PDB file of N, CA and C in Angstrom:
ATOM      1  N   MET A   1       0.896  -1.199  -0.163  1.00  0.00           N
ATOM      2  CA  MET A   1       0.114  -0.052  -0.044  1.00  0.00           C
ATOM      3  C   MET A   1       1.013   1.275  -0.003  1.00  0.00           C
ATOM      4  N   SER A   2       0.574   2.252  -0.804  1.00  0.00           N
ATOM      5  CA  SER A   2       1.459   3.302  -1.134  1.00  0.00           C
ATOM      6  C   SER A   2       1.207   4.245   0.270  1.00  0.00           C
ATOM      7  N   ALA A   3       2.097   5.301   0.374  1.00  0.00           N
ATOM      8  CA  ALA A   3       1.847   6.344   1.298  1.00  0.00           C
ATOM      9  C   ALA A   3       0.577   7.078   1.048  1.00  0.00           C
ATOM     10  N   LEU A   4       0.312   7.524  -0.089  1.00  0.00           N
ATOM     11  CA  LEU A   4      -0.952   8.082  -0.517  1.00  0.00           C
ATOM     12  C   LEU A   4      -2.122   7.369  -0.011  1.00  0.00           C
ATOM     13  N   GLU A   5      -2.265   5.992  -0.266  1.00  0.00           N
ATOM     14  CA  GLU A   5      -3.302   5.259   0.060  1.00  0.00           C
ATOM     15  C   GLU A   5      -3.552   5.148   1.508  1.00  0.00           C
ATOM     16  N   ARG A   6      -2.456   4.969   2.273  1.00  0.00           N
ATOM     17  CA  ARG A   6      -2.588   4.870   3.770  1.00  0.00           C
ATOM     18  C   ARG A   6      -2.928   6.254   4.169  1.00  0.00           C
ATOM     19  N   LEU A   7      -2.486   7.327   3.874  1.00  0.00           N
ATOM     20  CA  LEU A   7      -2.722   8.642   4.281  1.00  0.00           C
ATOM     21  C   LEU A   7      -4.220   8.875   3.929  1.00  0.00           C
ATOM     22  N   SER A   8      -4.708   8.524   2.765  1.00  0.00           N
ATOM     23  CA  SER A   8      -6.121   8.781   2.345  1.00  0.00           C
ATOM     24  C   SER A   8      -7.023   8.086   3.409  1.00  0.00           C
ATOM     25  N   GLY A   9      -6.699   6.731   3.780  1.00  0.00           N
ATOM     26  CA  GLY A   9      -7.407   5.773   4.680  1.00  0.00           C
ATOM     27  C   GLY A   9      -7.419   6.533   5.962  1.00  0.00           C
ATOM     28  N   LEU A  10      -6.252   7.090   6.558  1.00  0.00           N
ATOM     29  CA  LEU A  10      -6.232   7.739   7.686  1.00  0.00           C
ATOM     30  C   LEU A  10      -7.262   9.028   7.734  1.00  0.00           C
ATOM     31  N   LEU A  11      -7.072   9.710   6.662  1.00  0.00           N
ATOM     32  CA  LEU A  11      -8.018  10.912   6.680  1.00  0.00           C
ATOM     33  C   LEU A  11      -9.350  10.623   6.572  1.00  0.00           C
ATOM     34  N   GLU A  12      -9.757   9.633   5.851  1.00  0.00           N
ATOM     35  CA  GLU A  12     -11.216   9.332   5.752  1.00  0.00           C
ATOM     36  C   GLU A  12     -11.612   8.591   7.185  1.00  0.00           C
ATOM     37  N   ARG A  13     -11.018   7.936   7.862  1.00  0.00           N
ATOM     38  CA  ARG A  13     -11.223   7.221   8.996  1.00  0.00           C
ATOM     39  C   ARG A  13     -11.229   8.207  10.262  1.00  0.00           C
ATOM     40  N   ASP A  14     -10.182   8.921  10.438  1.00  0.00           N
ATOM     41  CA  ASP A  14      -9.904   9.720  11.540  1.00  0.00           C
ATOM     42  C   ASP A  14     -10.497  11.267  11.445  1.00  0.00           C
ATOM     43  N   PHE A  15     -10.521  11.709  10.142  1.00  0.00           N
ATOM     44  CA  PHE A  15     -10.782  12.956  10.083  1.00  0.00           C
ATOM     45  C   PHE A  15     -12.223  13.315   9.167  1.00  0.00           C
ATOM     46  N   ALA A  16     -12.828  12.262   8.954  1.00  0.00           N
ATOM     47  CA  ALA A  16     -14.165  12.137   8.234  1.00  0.00           C
ATOM     48  C   ALA A  16     -14.124  13.128   7.000  1.00  0.00           C
ATOM     49  N   ILE A  17     -13.019  12.960   6.206  1.00  0.00           N
ATOM     50  CA  ILE A  17     -12.876  13.530   4.860  1.00  0.00           C
ATOM     51  C   ILE A  17     -13.246  12.479   3.834  1.00  0.00           C
ATOM     52  N   PRO A  18     -14.110  12.916   2.971  1.00  0.00           N
ATOM     53  CA  PRO A  18     -14.935  11.981   2.098  1.00  0.00           C
ATOM     54  C   PRO A  18     -13.857  11.232   1.059  1.00  0.00           C
ATOM     55  N   ALA A  19     -13.797   9.923   1.068  1.00  0.00           N
ATOM     56  CA  ALA A  19     -12.723   9.234   0.198  1.00  0.00           C
ATOM     57  C   ALA A  19     -12.727   9.849  -1.329  1.00  0.00           C
ATOM     58  N   ALA A  20     -13.746  10.262  -1.882  1.00  0.00           N
ATOM     59  CA  ALA A  20     -13.894  10.713  -3.219  1.00  0.00           C
ATOM     60  C   ALA A  20     -13.155  11.983  -3.371  1.00  0.00           C
ATOM     61  N   SER A  21     -12.912  12.709  -2.331  1.00  0.00           N
ATOM     62  CA  SER A  21     -12.067  13.995  -2.355  1.00  0.00           C
ATOM     63  C   SER A  21     -10.549  13.714  -2.288  1.00  0.00           C
ATOM     64  N   LEU A  22     -10.241  12.682  -1.806  1.00  0.00           N
ATOM     65  CA  LEU A  22      -8.796  12.334  -1.342  1.00  0.00           C
ATOM     66  C   LEU A  22      -7.991  11.812  -2.635  1.00  0.00           C
ATOM     67  N   THR A  23      -7.786  12.724  -3.364  1.00  0.00           N
ATOM     68  CA  THR A  23      -6.835  12.603  -4.790  1.00  0.00           C
ATOM     69  C   THR A  23      -5.373  13.042  -4.542  1.00  0.00           C
ATOM     70  N   ASP A  24      -4.516  12.806  -5.375  1.00  0.00           N
ATOM     71  CA  ASP A  24      -3.166  13.155  -5.411  1.00  0.00           C
ATOM     72  C   ASP A  24      -2.968  14.794  -5.233  1.00  0.00           C
ATOM     73  N   ALA A  25      -4.051  15.189  -6.392  1.00  0.00           N
ATOM     74  CA  ALA A  25      -3.872  16.733  -6.558  1.00  0.00           C
ATOM     75  C   ALA A  25      -4.829  17.591  -5.846  1.00  0.00           C
ATOM     76  N   ALA A  26      -5.512  16.996  -4.818  1.00  0.00           N
ATOM     77  CA  ALA A  26      -6.469  17.664  -3.848  1.00  0.00           C
ATOM     78  C   ALA A  26      -5.692  18.493  -2.981  1.00  0.00           C
ATOM     79  N   THR A  27      -6.053  19.731  -3.080  1.00  0.00           N
ATOM     80  CA  THR A  27      -5.288  20.835  -2.325  1.00  0.00           C
ATOM     81  C   THR A  27      -5.733  20.928  -0.852  1.00  0.00           C
ATOM     82  N   LEU A  28      -4.818  21.154   0.107  1.00  0.00           N
ATOM     83  CA  LEU A  28      -5.303  21.154   1.501  1.00  0.00           C
ATOM     84  C   LEU A  28      -6.555  22.091   1.854  1.00  0.00           C
ATOM     85  N   GLU A  29      -6.529  23.244   0.936  1.00  0.00           N
ATOM     86  CA  GLU A  29      -7.525  24.065   1.133  1.00  0.00           C
ATOM     87  C   GLU A  29      -8.985  23.496   0.771  1.00  0.00           C
ATOM     88  N   SER A  30      -8.864  22.603  -0.416  1.00  0.00           N
ATOM     89  CA  SER A  30     -10.135  22.104  -0.947  1.00  0.00           C
ATOM     90  C   SER A  30     -10.669  21.032  -0.035  1.00  0.00           C
ATOM     91  N   LEU A  31      -9.592  20.520   0.848  1.00  0.00           N
ATOM     92  CA  LEU A  31     -10.047  19.395   1.958  1.00  0.00           C
ATOM     93  C   LEU A  31     -10.349  20.181   3.106  1.00  0.00           C
ATOM     94  N   GLU A  32     -10.427  21.432   3.289  1.00  0.00           N
ATOM     95  CA  GLU A  32     -10.586  22.060   4.490  1.00  0.00           C
ATOM     96  C   GLU A  32      -9.620  21.990   5.601  1.00  0.00           C
ATOM     97  N   ILE A  33      -8.362  21.671   5.192  1.00  0.00           N
ATOM     98  CA  ILE A  33      -7.494  21.351   6.220  1.00  0.00           C
ATOM     99  C   ILE A  33      -6.583  22.862   6.443  1.00  0.00           C
ATOM    100  N   ASP A  34      -7.108  23.429   7.606  1.00  0.00           N
ATOM    101  CA  ASP A  34      -6.356  24.653   8.014  1.00  0.00           C
ATOM    102  C   ASP A  34      -5.139  24.313   8.851  1.00  0.00           C
ATOM    103  N   SER A  35      -4.616  25.245   9.364  1.00  0.00           N
ATOM    104  CA  SER A  35      -3.300  25.308  10.332  1.00  0.00           C
ATOM    105  C   SER A  35      -3.412  24.270  11.420  1.00  0.00           C
ATOM    106  N   LEU A  36      -4.602  24.422  12.247  1.00  0.00           N
ATOM    107  CA  LEU A  36      -4.932  23.496  13.246  1.00  0.00           C
ATOM    108  C   LEU A  36      -5.092  22.112  12.910  1.00  0.00           C
ATOM    109  N   ARG A  37      -5.864  21.984  11.885  1.00  0.00           N
ATOM    110  CA  ARG A  37      -6.172  20.611  11.606  1.00  0.00           C
ATOM    111  C   ARG A  37      -4.808  19.956  11.013  1.00  0.00           C
ATOM    112  N   LEU A  38      -4.098  20.723  10.283  1.00  0.00           N
ATOM    113  CA  LEU A  38      -2.710  20.212   9.832  1.00  0.00           C
ATOM    114  C   LEU A  38      -1.876  19.758  10.935  1.00  0.00           C
ATOM    115  N   ILE A  39      -1.761  20.392  12.022  1.00  0.00           N
ATOM    116  CA  ILE A  39      -1.148  19.887  13.272  1.00  0.00           C
ATOM    117  C   ILE A  39      -1.763  18.524  13.792  1.00  0.00           C
ATOM    118  N   GLU A  40      -3.093  18.467  13.914  1.00  0.00           N
ATOM    119  CA  GLU A  40      -3.829  17.159  14.063  1.00  0.00           C
ATOM    120  C   GLU A  40      -3.408  16.093  13.327  1.00  0.00           C
ATOM    121  N   ILE A  41      -3.394  16.458  12.025  1.00  0.00           N
ATOM    122  CA  ILE A  41      -3.055  15.412  11.174  1.00  0.00           C
ATOM    123  C   ILE A  41      -1.686  14.961  11.311  1.00  0.00           C
ATOM    124  N   ALA A  42      -0.772  15.913  11.408  1.00  0.00           N
ATOM    125  CA  ALA A  42       0.582  15.661  11.673  1.00  0.00           C
ATOM    126  C   ALA A  42       0.878  14.501  12.726  1.00  0.00           C
ATOM    127  N   PHE A  43       0.230  14.724  13.925  1.00  0.00           N
ATOM    128  CA  PHE A  43       0.194  13.752  14.965  1.00  0.00           C
ATOM    129  C   PHE A  43      -0.185  12.455  14.694  1.00  0.00           C
ATOM    130  N   ALA A  44      -1.272  12.450  13.942  1.00  0.00           N
ATOM    131  CA  ALA A  44      -1.859  11.293  13.465  1.00  0.00           C
ATOM    132  C   ALA A  44      -0.947  10.476  12.403  1.00  0.00           C
ATOM    133  N   VAL A  45      -0.226  11.263  11.607  1.00  0.00           N
ATOM    134  CA  VAL A  45       0.683  10.750  10.559  1.00  0.00           C
ATOM    135  C   VAL A  45       1.861  10.121  11.294  1.00  0.00           C
ATOM    136  N   GLU A  46       2.303  10.757  12.477  1.00  0.00           N
ATOM    137  CA  GLU A  46       3.498  10.077  13.256  1.00  0.00           C
ATOM    138  C   GLU A  46       3.085   8.862  13.817  1.00  0.00           C
ATOM    139  N   ASP A  47       1.800   8.798  14.367  1.00  0.00           N
ATOM    140  CA  ASP A  47       1.454   7.502  14.951  1.00  0.00           C
ATOM    141  C   ASP A  47       1.321   6.343  13.996  1.00  0.00           C
ATOM    142  N   GLU A  48       0.643   6.757  12.736  1.00  0.00           N
ATOM    143  CA  GLU A  48       0.195   5.898  11.787  1.00  0.00           C
ATOM    144  C   GLU A  48       1.484   5.289  10.998  1.00  0.00           C
ATOM    145  N   PHE A  49       2.537   6.175  10.658  1.00  0.00           N
ATOM    146  CA  PHE A  49       3.609   5.754   9.855  1.00  0.00           C
ATOM    147  C   PHE A  49       4.768   5.647  10.620  1.00  0.00           C
ATOM    148  N   GLY A  50       4.862   5.857  12.008  1.00  0.00           N
ATOM    149  CA  GLY A  50       6.034   5.745  12.787  1.00  0.00           C
ATOM    150  C   GLY A  50       7.152   6.699  12.363  1.00  0.00           C
ATOM    151  N   VAL A  51       6.656   7.936  11.992  1.00  0.00           N
ATOM    152  CA  VAL A  51       7.784   8.956  11.521  1.00  0.00           C
ATOM    153  C   VAL A  51       7.744  10.180  12.354  1.00  0.00           C
ATOM    154  N   THR A  52       8.572  10.967  12.312  1.00  0.00           N
ATOM    155  CA  THR A  52       8.527  12.361  12.985  1.00  0.00           C
ATOM    156  C   THR A  52       8.268  13.390  11.864  1.00  0.00           C
ATOM    157  N   MET A  53       7.218  14.074  12.121  1.00  0.00           N
ATOM    158  CA  MET A  53       7.019  15.334  11.171  1.00  0.00           C
ATOM    159  C   MET A  53       7.828  16.451  11.549  1.00  0.00           C
ATOM    160  N   PRO A  54       8.142  17.236  10.535  1.00  0.00           N
ATOM    161  CA  PRO A  54       8.887  18.580  10.987  1.00  0.00           C
ATOM    162  C   PRO A  54       7.995  19.266  12.035  1.00  0.00           C
ATOM    163  N   GLN A  55       8.781  19.955  12.935  1.00  0.00           N
ATOM    164  CA  GLN A  55       7.984  20.650  14.071  1.00  0.00           C
ATOM    165  C   GLN A  55       7.694  22.054  13.473  1.00  0.00           C
ATOM    166  N   ASP A  56       8.334  22.621  12.564  1.00  0.00           N
ATOM    167  CA  ASP A  56       7.995  23.818  12.083  1.00  0.00           C
ATOM    168  C   ASP A  56       6.556  23.847  11.143  1.00  0.00           C
ATOM    169  N   GLN A  57       5.759  24.449  11.595  1.00  0.00           N
ATOM    170  CA  GLN A  57       4.365  24.593  10.804  1.00  0.00           C
ATOM    171  C   GLN A  57       4.640  25.198   9.158  1.00  0.00           C
ATOM    172  N   GLY A  58       5.435  26.293   9.364  1.00  0.00           N
ATOM    173  CA  GLY A  58       5.835  26.999   8.094  1.00  0.00           C
ATOM    174  C   GLY A  58       6.649  26.063   7.194  1.00  0.00           C
ATOM    175  N   GLU A  59       7.355  25.114   7.714  1.00  0.00           N
ATOM    176  CA  GLU A  59       8.096  24.336   6.727  1.00  0.00           C
ATOM    177  C   GLU A  59       7.115  23.346   6.127  1.00  0.00           C
ATOM    178  N   ILE A  60       6.234  22.865   6.937  1.00  0.00           N
ATOM    179  CA  ILE A  60       5.347  22.013   6.293  1.00  0.00           C
ATOM    180  C   ILE A  60       4.307  22.702   5.231  1.00  0.00           C
ATOM    181  N   ARG A  61       3.872  23.767   5.667  1.00  0.00           N
ATOM    182  CA  ARG A  61       3.036  24.600   4.732  1.00  0.00           C
ATOM    183  C   ARG A  61       3.796  25.036   3.646  1.00  0.00           C
ATOM    184  N   ALA A  62       5.063  25.184   3.566  1.00  0.00           N
ATOM    185  CA  ALA A  62       5.947  25.511   2.503  1.00  0.00           C
ATOM    186  C   ALA A  62       6.099  24.536   1.529  1.00  0.00           C
ATOM    187  N   ARG A  63       6.203  23.183   1.884  1.00  0.00           N
ATOM    188  CA  ARG A  63       6.385  22.060   1.223  1.00  0.00           C
ATOM    189  C   ARG A  63       5.129  21.355   0.720  1.00  0.00           C
ATOM    190  N   VAL A  64       3.960  21.487   1.495  1.00  0.00           N
ATOM    191  CA  VAL A  64       2.875  20.750   1.173  1.00  0.00           C
ATOM    192  C   VAL A  64       1.587  21.579   0.551  1.00  0.00           C
ATOM    193  N   LYS A  65       1.378  21.407  -0.418  1.00  0.00           N
ATOM    194  CA  LYS A  65       0.090  22.297  -0.987  1.00  0.00           C
ATOM    195  C   LYS A  65      -1.046  21.219  -1.311  1.00  0.00           C
ATOM    196  N   THR A  66      -0.652  19.945  -1.785  1.00  0.00           N
ATOM    197  CA  THR A  66      -1.607  18.928  -2.074  1.00  0.00           C
ATOM    198  C   THR A  66      -1.509  17.735  -1.164  1.00  0.00           C
ATOM    199  N   LEU A  67      -2.474  16.931  -1.390  1.00  0.00           N
ATOM    200  CA  LEU A  67      -2.379  15.522  -0.657  1.00  0.00           C
ATOM    201  C   LEU A  67      -1.173  14.866  -1.108  1.00  0.00           C
ATOM    202  N   GLY A  68      -0.975  14.879  -2.486  1.00  0.00           N
ATOM    203  CA  GLY A  68       0.339  14.304  -3.039  1.00  0.00           C
ATOM    204  C   GLY A  68       1.508  14.562  -2.362  1.00  0.00           C
ATOM    205  N   ASP A  69       1.611  16.078  -2.087  1.00  0.00           N
ATOM    206  CA  ASP A  69       2.860  16.659  -1.496  1.00  0.00           C
ATOM    207  C   ASP A  69       3.061  16.151  -0.228  1.00  0.00           C
ATOM    208  N   LEU A  70       1.956  15.799   0.655  1.00  0.00           N
ATOM    209  CA  LEU A  70       1.992  15.396   1.834  1.00  0.00           C
ATOM    210  C   LEU A  70       2.474  13.943   1.947  1.00  0.00           C
ATOM    211  N   ALA A  71       1.976  13.115   1.105  1.00  0.00           N
ATOM    212  CA  ALA A  71       2.378  11.699   0.941  1.00  0.00           C
ATOM    213  C   ALA A  71       3.860  11.745   0.501  1.00  0.00           C
ATOM    214  N   ARG A  72       4.263  12.586  -0.314  1.00  0.00           N
ATOM    215  CA  ARG A  72       5.701  12.373  -0.703  1.00  0.00           C
ATOM    216  C   ARG A  72       6.729  12.841   0.310  1.00  0.00           C
ATOM    217  N   LEU A  73       6.124  13.885   1.236  1.00  0.00           N
ATOM    218  CA  LEU A  73       6.868  14.298   2.496  1.00  0.00           C
ATOM    219  C   LEU A  73       6.991  13.033   3.348  1.00  0.00           C
ATOM    220  N   ILE A  74       5.891  12.447   3.773  1.00  0.00           N
ATOM    221  CA  ILE A  74       5.864  11.276   4.486  1.00  0.00           C
ATOM    222  C   ILE A  74       7.006  10.246   4.033  1.00  0.00           C
ATOM    223  N   GLU A  75       7.038   9.854   2.723  1.00  0.00           N
ATOM    224  CA  GLU A  75       7.809   8.940   2.136  1.00  0.00           C
ATOM    225  C   GLU A  75       9.337   9.373   2.282  1.00  0.00           C
ATOM    226  N   GLU A  76       9.561  10.612   2.395  1.00  0.00           N
ATOM    227  CA  GLU A  76      10.948  11.094   2.442  1.00  0.00           C
ATOM    228  C   GLU A  76      11.428  11.010   4.004  1.00  0.00           C
ATOM    229  N   LEU A  77      10.596  11.072   5.093  1.00  0.00           N
ATOM    230  CA  LEU A  77      10.997  11.101   6.474  1.00  0.00           C
ATOM    231  C   LEU A  77      11.529   9.741   6.836  1.00  0.00           C
ATOM    232  N   PRO A  78      12.542   9.758   7.619  1.00  0.00           N
ATOM    233  CA  PRO A  78      13.130   8.524   8.154  1.00  0.00           C
ATOM    234  C   PRO A  78      12.140   7.867   9.167  1.00  0.00           C
ATOM    235  N   ALA A  79      12.252   6.466   8.947  1.00  0.00           N
ATOM    236  CA  ALA A  79      11.136   5.623   9.728  1.00  0.00           C
ATOM    237  C   ALA A  79      11.743   5.623  11.298  1.00  0.00           C
ATOM    238  N   GLY A  80      10.796   5.567  12.104  1.00  0.00           N
ATOM    239  CA  GLY A  80      11.252   5.430  13.505  1.00  0.00           C
ATOM    240  C   GLY A  80      11.329   6.889  14.153  1.00  0.00           C
ATOM    241  N   LYS A  81      10.433   6.933  15.292  1.00  0.00           N
ATOM    242  CA  LYS A  81      10.552   8.318  15.832  1.00  0.00           C
ATOM    243  C   LYS A  81      11.753   8.493  16.597  1.00  0.00           C
ATOM    244  N   ALA A  82      12.460   9.643  16.429  1.00  0.00           N
ATOM    245  CA  ALA A  82      13.585  10.147  17.227  1.00  0.00           C
ATOM    246  C   ALA A  82      12.841  10.776  18.493  1.00  0.00           C
ATOM    247  N   GLY A  83      13.231  10.374  19.494  1.00  0.00           N
ATOM    248  CA  GLY A  83      12.437  10.762  20.716  1.00  0.00           C
ATOM    249  C   GLY A  83      12.489  12.365  20.883  1.00  0.00           C
ATOM    250  N   GLY A  84      11.375  13.038  21.328  1.00  0.00           N
ATOM    251  CA  GLY A  84      11.497  14.372  21.697  1.00  0.00           C
ATOM    252  C   GLY A  84      10.959  15.307  20.746  1.00  0.00           C
TER     253      GLY A  84
END
């Protein structure tokens, strides 16, 4: 299962985002993911994928405009949480 498929499943299950809208090109804005929700999603992604998301909200926002961008970011992160 790809990172995009896993991420889509997570967003549908835990954040009630309709599956039909979870495409690679879907923008965060079109999915109604604001700054607070992005933080919530980052925590859920850490648990689901066993990675540590960047702590700087600005860094995430600069790199992630679409769901596909977020999936690619997750794929680039090293596996295993580095404590703290």
